[in-house]
Each structure stands twice: as structure tokens, then as C-alpha cells.
C-alpha atoms as a PDB file:
ATOM      1  CA  MET A   1    -114.475 141.425  52.529  1.00  0.00           C
ATOM      2  CA  VAL A   2    -114.028 140.064  55.993  1.00  0.00           C
ATOM      3  CA  ALA A   3    -115.150 136.829  54.571  1.00  0.00           C
ATOM      4  CA  ARG A   4    -113.012 136.845  51.901  1.00  0.00           C
ATOM      5  CA  SER A   5    -109.993 137.439  53.957  1.00  0.00           C
ATOM      6  CA  SER A   6    -111.032 134.210  56.029  1.00  0.00           C
ATOM      7  CA  SER A   7    -110.909 132.473  53.338  1.00  0.00           C
ATOM      8  CA  VAL A   8    -107.628 133.627  52.371  1.00  0.00           C
ATOM      9  CA  LEU A   9    -106.372 133.163  55.311  1.00  0.00           C
ATOM     10  CA  ILE A  10    -107.786 129.199  56.056  1.00  0.00           C
ATOM     11  CA  PHE A  11    -106.251 128.181  52.462  1.00  0.00           C
ATOM     12  CA  PHE A  12    -102.799 129.587  52.890  1.00  0.00           C
ATOM     13  CA  PHE A  13    -102.988 127.717  56.646  1.00  0.00           C
ATOM     14  CA  VAL A  14    -104.205 124.050  54.659  1.00  0.00           C
ATOM     15  CA  PHE A  15    -101.553 124.476  52.388  1.00  0.00           C
ATOM     16  CA  LEU A  16     -98.921 125.487  54.674  1.00  0.00           C
ATOM     17  CA  ALA A  17    -100.044 122.387  57.005  1.00  0.00           C
ATOM     18  CA  ILE A  18    -100.667 120.251  53.889  1.00  0.00           C
ATOM     19  CA  SER A  19     -97.179 121.601  52.459  1.00  0.00           C
ATOM     20  CA  SER A  20     -95.010 120.736  55.836  1.00  0.00           C
ATOM     21  CA  ALA A  21     -96.708 117.133  55.664  1.00  0.00           C
ATOM     22  CA  PHE A  22     -95.656 115.903  52.855  1.00  0.00           C
ATOM     23  CA  PRO A  23     -91.942 117.065  52.249  1.00  0.00           C
ATOM     24  CA  LYS A  24     -90.310 116.963  49.042  1.00  0.00           C
ATOM     25  CA  ASN A  25     -88.949 113.570  47.778  1.00  0.00           C
ATOM     26  CA  LYS A  26     -85.924 113.491  49.694  1.00  0.00           C
ATOM     27  CA  ASP A  27     -82.673 111.605  47.998  1.00  0.00           C
ATOM     28  CA  LYS A  28     -82.419 108.610  49.521  1.00  0.00           C
ATOM     29  CA  TYR A  29     -79.649 108.629  52.351  1.00  0.00           C
ATOM     30  CA  LYS A  30     -76.344 108.136  51.822  1.00  0.00           C
ATOM     31  CA  PRO A  31     -73.780 108.520  53.891  1.00  0.00           C
ATOM     32  CA  CYS A  32     -71.396 111.232  53.756  1.00  0.00           C
ATOM     33  CA  LYS A  33     -68.226 108.439  54.846  1.00  0.00           C
ATOM     34  CA  HIS A  34     -67.609 105.333  54.954  1.00  0.00           C
ATOM     35  CA  LEU A  35     -65.299 103.521  57.182  1.00  0.00           C
ATOM     36  CA  VAL A  36     -64.743  99.084  57.565  1.00  0.00           C
ATOM     37  CA  LEU A  37     -62.648  99.300  60.401  1.00  0.00           C
ATOM     38  CA  PHE A  38     -61.967  95.277  62.645  1.00  0.00           C
ATOM     39  CA  PHE A  39     -61.385  94.726  66.282  1.00  0.00           C
ATOM     40  CA  HIS A  40     -59.905  91.600  68.325  1.00  0.00           C
ATOM     41  CA  ASP A  41     -60.842  91.282  71.429  1.00  0.00           C
ATOM     42  CA  ILE A  42     -58.439  88.179  73.514  1.00  0.00           C
ATOM     43  CA  ILE A  43     -60.993  87.587  76.926  1.00  0.00           C
ATOM     44  CA  TYR A  44     -58.873  86.871  80.470  1.00  0.00           C
ATOM     45  CA  ASN A  45     -59.480  83.681  80.323  1.00  0.00           C
ATOM     46  CA  GLY A  46     -56.775  83.053  83.939  1.00  0.00           C
ATOM     47  CA  LYS A  47     -53.828  81.764  81.318  1.00  0.00           C
ATOM     48  CA  ASN A  48     -53.267  84.379  78.724  1.00  0.00           C
ATOM     49  CA  ALA A  49     -52.525  87.712  81.091  1.00  0.00           C
ATOM     50  CA  ALA A  50     -50.000  88.671  78.060  1.00  0.00           C
ATOM     51  CA  ASN A  51     -52.018  88.409  75.844  1.00  0.00           C
ATOM     52  CA  ALA A  52     -56.127  89.206  76.652  1.00  0.00           C
ATOM     53  CA  THR A  53     -57.234  93.223  76.048  1.00  0.00           C
ATOM     54  CA  SER A  54     -60.596  92.680  77.712  1.00  0.00           C
ATOM     55  CA  ALA A  55     -61.503  91.527  81.206  1.00  0.00           C
ATOM     56  CA  ILE A  56     -64.327  90.328  83.493  1.00  0.00           C
ATOM     57  CA  VAL A  57     -64.811  92.965  85.677  1.00  0.00           C
ATOM     58  CA  ALA A  58     -68.272  91.591  87.461  1.00  0.00           C
ATOM     59  CA  ALA A  59     -69.890  88.647  87.557  1.00  0.00           C
ATOM     60  CA  PRO A  60     -73.001  87.077  89.127  1.00  0.00           C
ATOM     61  CA  GLN A  61     -72.794  86.089  92.292  1.00  0.00           C
ATOM     62  CA  GLY A  62     -70.637  82.513  92.795  1.00  0.00           C
ATOM     63  CA  SER A  63     -69.087  83.118  89.029  1.00  0.00           C
ATOM     64  CA  ASN A  64     -65.182  84.140  89.445  1.00  0.00           C
ATOM     65  CA  LEU A  65     -64.068  86.621  86.389  1.00  0.00           C
ATOM     66  CA  THR A  66     -62.129  84.600  84.684  1.00  0.00           C
ATOM     67  CA  ILE A  67     -64.373  82.232  83.293  1.00  0.00           C
ATOM     68  CA  LEU A  68     -67.805  83.342  82.026  1.00  0.00           C
ATOM     69  CA  ALA A  69     -70.576  82.773  83.657  1.00  0.00           C
ATOM     70  CA  PRO A  70     -73.241  79.889  82.583  1.00  0.00           C
ATOM     71  CA  ASN A  71     -76.497  80.487  81.215  1.00  0.00           C
ATOM     72  CA  PHE A  72     -76.159  82.988  78.401  1.00  0.00           C
ATOM     73  CA  HIS A  73     -73.174  85.015  80.311  1.00  0.00           C
ATOM     74  CA  PHE A  74     -75.968  86.734  82.215  1.00  0.00           C
ATOM     75  CA  GLY A  75     -74.627  89.499  84.115  1.00  0.00           C
ATOM     76  CA  ASN A  76     -70.925  89.520  82.820  1.00  0.00           C
ATOM     77  CA  ILE A  77     -69.782  92.711  82.855  1.00  0.00           C
ATOM     78  CA  ALA A  78     -66.244  92.922  80.757  1.00  0.00           C
ATOM     79  CA  VAL A  79     -64.547  95.654  79.363  1.00  0.00           C
ATOM     80  CA  PHE A  80     -61.682  96.199  76.715  1.00  0.00           C
ATOM     81  CA  ASP A  81     -58.717  97.760  74.990  1.00  0.00           C
ATOM     82  CA  ASP A  82     -58.675  95.687  72.036  1.00  0.00           C
ATOM     83  CA  PRO A  83     -56.768  96.579  68.427  1.00  0.00           C
ATOM     84  CA  ILE A  84     -58.428  98.253  65.083  1.00  0.00           C
ATOM     85  CA  THR A  85     -56.756  96.950  62.078  1.00  0.00           C
ATOM     86  CA  LEU A  86     -58.022  98.075  58.270  1.00  0.00           C
ATOM     87  CA  ASP A  87     -58.027  94.533  57.991  1.00  0.00           C
ATOM     88  CA  ASN A  88     -58.671  90.732  59.951  1.00  0.00           C
ATOM     89  CA  ASN A  89     -55.406  89.897  60.497  1.00  0.00           C
ATOM     90  CA  LEU A  90     -55.061  90.229  64.277  1.00  0.00           C
ATOM     91  CA  HIS A  91     -51.246  90.999  63.577  1.00  0.00           C
ATOM     92  CA  SER A  92     -51.240  93.524  61.160  1.00  0.00           C
ATOM     93  CA  LYS A  93     -50.823  97.300  62.506  1.00  0.00           C
ATOM     94  CA  PRO A  94     -53.456  98.488  64.437  1.00  0.00           C
ATOM     95  CA  ILE A  95     -54.492 102.240  63.726  1.00  0.00           C
ATOM     96  CA  GLY A  96     -55.670 102.589  66.886  1.00  0.00           C
ATOM     97  CA  ARG A  97     -57.945 101.071  69.766  1.00  0.00           C
ATOM     98  CA  ALA A  98     -61.858  99.916  70.859  1.00  0.00           C
ATOM     99  CA  GLN A  99     -62.456 100.666  74.309  1.00  0.00           C
ATOM    100  CA  GLY A 100     -65.679 100.697  76.346  1.00  0.00           C
ATOM    101  CA  MET A 101     -67.503  97.850  77.545  1.00  0.00           C
ATOM    102  CA  TYR A 102     -69.952  95.084  76.788  1.00  0.00           C
ATOM    103  CA  ILE A 103     -72.635  93.980  79.629  1.00  0.00           C
ATOM    104  CA  TYR A 104     -74.530  90.551  79.046  1.00  0.00           C
ATOM    105  CA  ASP A 105     -77.603  91.190  79.451  1.00  0.00           C
ATOM    106  CA  THR A 106     -80.492  88.653  78.477  1.00  0.00           C
ATOM    107  CA  LYS A 107     -81.092  85.715  80.197  1.00  0.00           C
ATOM    108  CA  ASN A 108     -82.603  83.248  77.002  1.00  0.00           C
ATOM    109  CA  THR A 109     -80.181  84.284  74.447  1.00  0.00           C
ATOM    110  CA  PHE A 110     -76.766  85.584  73.692  1.00  0.00           C
ATOM    111  CA  THR A 111     -76.803  89.225  73.532  1.00  0.00           C
ATOM    112  CA  SER A 112     -75.680  92.133  75.312  1.00  0.00           C
ATOM    113  CA  TRP A 113     -75.430  95.520  75.170  1.00  0.00           C
ATOM    114  CA  LEU A 114     -72.125  97.800  74.176  1.00  0.00           C
ATOM    115  CA  GLY A 115     -70.887 100.707  75.030  1.00  0.00           C
ATOM    116  CA  PHE A 116     -67.271 101.987  73.567  1.00  0.00           C
ATOM    117  CA  SER A 117     -65.240 104.494  70.997  1.00  0.00           C
ATOM    118  CA  PHE A 118     -63.125 104.064  68.644  1.00  0.00           C
ATOM    119  CA  SER A 119     -60.147 106.039  69.165  1.00  0.00           C
ATOM    120  CA  LEU A 120     -57.703 106.317  65.826  1.00  0.00           C
ATOM    121  CA  ASN A 121     -54.098 107.282  65.764  1.00  0.00           C
ATOM    122  CA  SER A 122     -52.768 107.125  62.307  1.00  0.00           C
ATOM    123  CA  THR A 123     -51.734 109.143  59.536  1.00  0.00           C
ATOM    124  CA  ASP A 124     -55.179 108.856  57.357  1.00  0.00           C
ATOM    125  CA  TYR A 125     -57.520 109.445  60.969  1.00  0.00           C
ATOM    126  CA  GLN A 126     -57.131 110.834  64.254  1.00  0.00           C
ATOM    127  CA  GLY A 127     -59.761 111.284  66.437  1.00  0.00           C
ATOM    128  CA  THR A 128     -62.673 109.034  68.051  1.00  0.00           C
ATOM    129  CA  ILE A 129     -65.866 107.494  67.406  1.00  0.00           C
ATOM    130  CA  ASN A 130     -68.152 106.831  69.493  1.00  0.00           C
ATOM    131  CA  PHE A 131     -70.605 103.839  69.775  1.00  0.00           C
ATOM    132  CA  ILE A 132     -73.644 102.443  71.964  1.00  0.00           C
ATOM    133  CA  GLY A 133     -76.683  99.650  71.759  1.00  0.00           C
ATOM    134  CA  ALA A 134     -77.908  96.732  72.278  1.00  0.00           C
ATOM    135  CA  ASP A 135     -75.906  93.557  70.595  1.00  0.00           C
ATOM    136  CA  PRO A 136     -77.707  90.474  69.539  1.00  0.00           C
ATOM    137  CA  ILE A 137     -75.199  88.831  69.029  1.00  0.00           C
ATOM    138  CA  MET A 138     -76.641  85.485  67.585  1.00  0.00           C
ATOM    139  CA  ILE A 139     -78.347  87.997  64.577  1.00  0.00           C
ATOM    140  CA  LYS A 140     -75.108  88.146  61.633  1.00  0.00           C
ATOM    141  CA  TYR A 141     -75.862  91.804  60.495  1.00  0.00           C
ATOM    142  CA  ARG A 142     -76.398  94.336  63.980  1.00  0.00           C
ATOM    143  CA  ASP A 143     -76.453  97.871  63.521  1.00  0.00           C
ATOM    144  CA  ILE A 144     -75.398 100.073  66.883  1.00  0.00           C
ATOM    145  CA  SER A 145     -75.347 103.989  66.433  1.00  0.00           C
ATOM    146  CA  VAL A 146     -72.479 106.394  66.127  1.00  0.00           C
ATOM    147  CA  VAL A 147     -73.196 109.225  68.847  1.00  0.00           C
ATOM    148  CA  GLY A 148     -70.904 111.508  68.134  1.00  0.00           C
ATOM    149  CA  GLY A 149     -66.859 111.903  67.499  1.00  0.00           C
ATOM    150  CA  THR A 150     -64.376 114.163  68.064  1.00  0.00           C
ATOM    151  CA  GLY A 151     -61.045 115.142  65.302  1.00  0.00           C
ATOM    152  CA  ASP A 152     -61.164 114.281  61.777  1.00  0.00           C
ATOM    153  CA  PHE A 153     -65.365 112.567  63.143  1.00  0.00           C
ATOM    154  CA  PHE A 154     -66.618 115.882  65.306  1.00  0.00           C
ATOM    155  CA  MET A 155     -70.048 115.750  65.722  1.00  0.00           C
ATOM    156  CA  HIS A 156     -70.327 112.728  63.250  1.00  0.00           C
ATOM    157  CA  ARG A 157     -73.115 110.735  63.076  1.00  0.00           C
ATOM    158  CA  GLY A 158     -74.434 106.842  61.464  1.00  0.00           C
ATOM    159  CA  VAL A 159     -74.885 103.541  61.956  1.00  0.00           C
ATOM    160  CA  ALA A 160     -71.815 100.872  62.389  1.00  0.00           C
ATOM    161  CA  THR A 161     -73.032  97.176  61.079  1.00  0.00           C
ATOM    162  CA  ILE A 162     -71.417  94.964  63.042  1.00  0.00           C
ATOM    163  CA  ASP A 163     -70.367  91.123  62.155  1.00  0.00           C
ATOM    164  CA  THR A 164     -69.414  88.360  63.920  1.00  0.00           C
ATOM    165  CA  ASP A 165     -66.099  88.179  61.512  1.00  0.00           C
ATOM    166  CA  SER A 166     -64.336  85.009  63.536  1.00  0.00           C
ATOM    167  CA  TYR A 167     -64.464  83.132  66.960  1.00  0.00           C
ATOM    168  CA  GLU A 168     -62.404  81.121  68.392  1.00  0.00           C
ATOM    169  CA  GLY A 169     -64.513  79.273  72.018  1.00  0.00           C
ATOM    170  CA  GLU A 170     -65.123  82.186  74.591  1.00  0.00           C
ATOM    171  CA  VAL A 171     -61.521  83.220  74.584  1.00  0.00           C
ATOM    172  CA  TYR A 172     -61.520  85.823  70.480  1.00  0.00           C
ATOM    173  CA  PHE A 173     -63.253  87.634  68.825  1.00  0.00           C
ATOM    174  CA  ARG A 174     -62.857  89.952  65.962  1.00  0.00           C
ATOM    175  CA  LEU A 175     -65.793  92.257  64.592  1.00  0.00           C
ATOM    176  CA  LYS A 176     -65.874  93.621  61.670  1.00  0.00           C
ATOM    177  CA  VAL A 177     -67.343  96.833  61.670  1.00  0.00           C
ATOM    178  CA  ASP A 178     -68.970  98.790  58.424  1.00  0.00           C
ATOM    179  CA  ILE A 179     -69.421 102.036  59.723  1.00  0.00           C
ATOM    180  CA  LYS A 180     -71.666 104.443  58.019  1.00  0.00           C
ATOM    181  CA  PHE A 181     -71.876 108.818  58.681  1.00  0.00           C
ATOM    182  CA  TYR A 182     -74.209 110.166  57.809  1.00  0.00           C
ATOM    183  CA  GLU A 183     -73.930 113.718  59.562  1.00  0.00           C
ATOM    184  CA  CYS A 184     -70.459 114.747  58.635  1.00  0.00           C
ATOM    185  CA  TRP A 185     -69.605 118.332  60.369  1.00  0.00           C
END
């Protein structure tokens, strides 16, 4: 009797271990919400104060705050308050602001670390979306994490694929941000 109870108990635990180790075939991950937005960054260069939306706030010793540092801009930190549009036209009506910073953090290639929020205030979207992650600039499509939000995006999580859609030297660039939310509350 004891041997049979032990066998049943062992079988139960083995079954439990196997069933939790191989979860049921889940549906492929499908986003619960999807947005494509553009933000436009114009770096202050000492001559464009009226149009600039970002500025270098820290630079390596010997550098100035109006020209990005040589050697892959290593050590530059820039803050930004950029317009967000639904299309790639800088002069389109903004639906919000991209606000945050980027830090050039590698000595041997163009890469940065991003920490920013989209603050949206339009008839379609109200609230913020928060992003964080590494940005290997030389790669066409890069993913960064969506780590939360407020308002219409309360507690949302997901991935944003960014693409440098356009640039003009080191003064202007436009990023296309393809946001896929996988957790929507």
C-alpha cells in the first residue's frame, strides 16, 4: 500500500514537472497596440538657436557644446525636446513631444544610449510612452524597450524599432519609431 502511494506521488510530481517544462503551444506574439511615429531632432550648433530642439549638455574635456566631439562623439550627452509627427514631414502638426537624452557611449563606432519619453497630447492619444536602451546607430533597424507609460498607454510594455529615416550632417536627424505593445492594460 505504501509503495503504491509512493508510486502515485512520484508519478504526479514527474507529470507536474514535465507539464510545466513544456508549456502549451502559445500563439505567436501579436501586438495588442501598434503605432508608427516620427520625431525630429535639430542639434544646437551655435547658429540655429531659433530652430534647435536638442543641445549638447556635456562633452569630453577640450570639446565645446556646439560641435559633437570627434572619435564617434564619445562622451557627448545631449538632451532633447523634439516634435513628434504622424508622418515624416518636420512641418506637419505635432501630436506631442519626444523628451529625454542620448549619450554617445562607445569609442570605436557610432552608438548611443537612449532614455526618453513620448508625451502625446492629441485627439487620438493622451499620455506618455517611456523608452530605454542601446542604439547602435550604424544598424538600419534597432530595437529599444518600451518600459511603461501613462494615460492611454498605462503600464504598456513592448518593443520600438527605430530607423534613422533622414539626416542632414550632424545637425538634423529624423527617427521613425515603429512601436509594438505586447502588454496593454
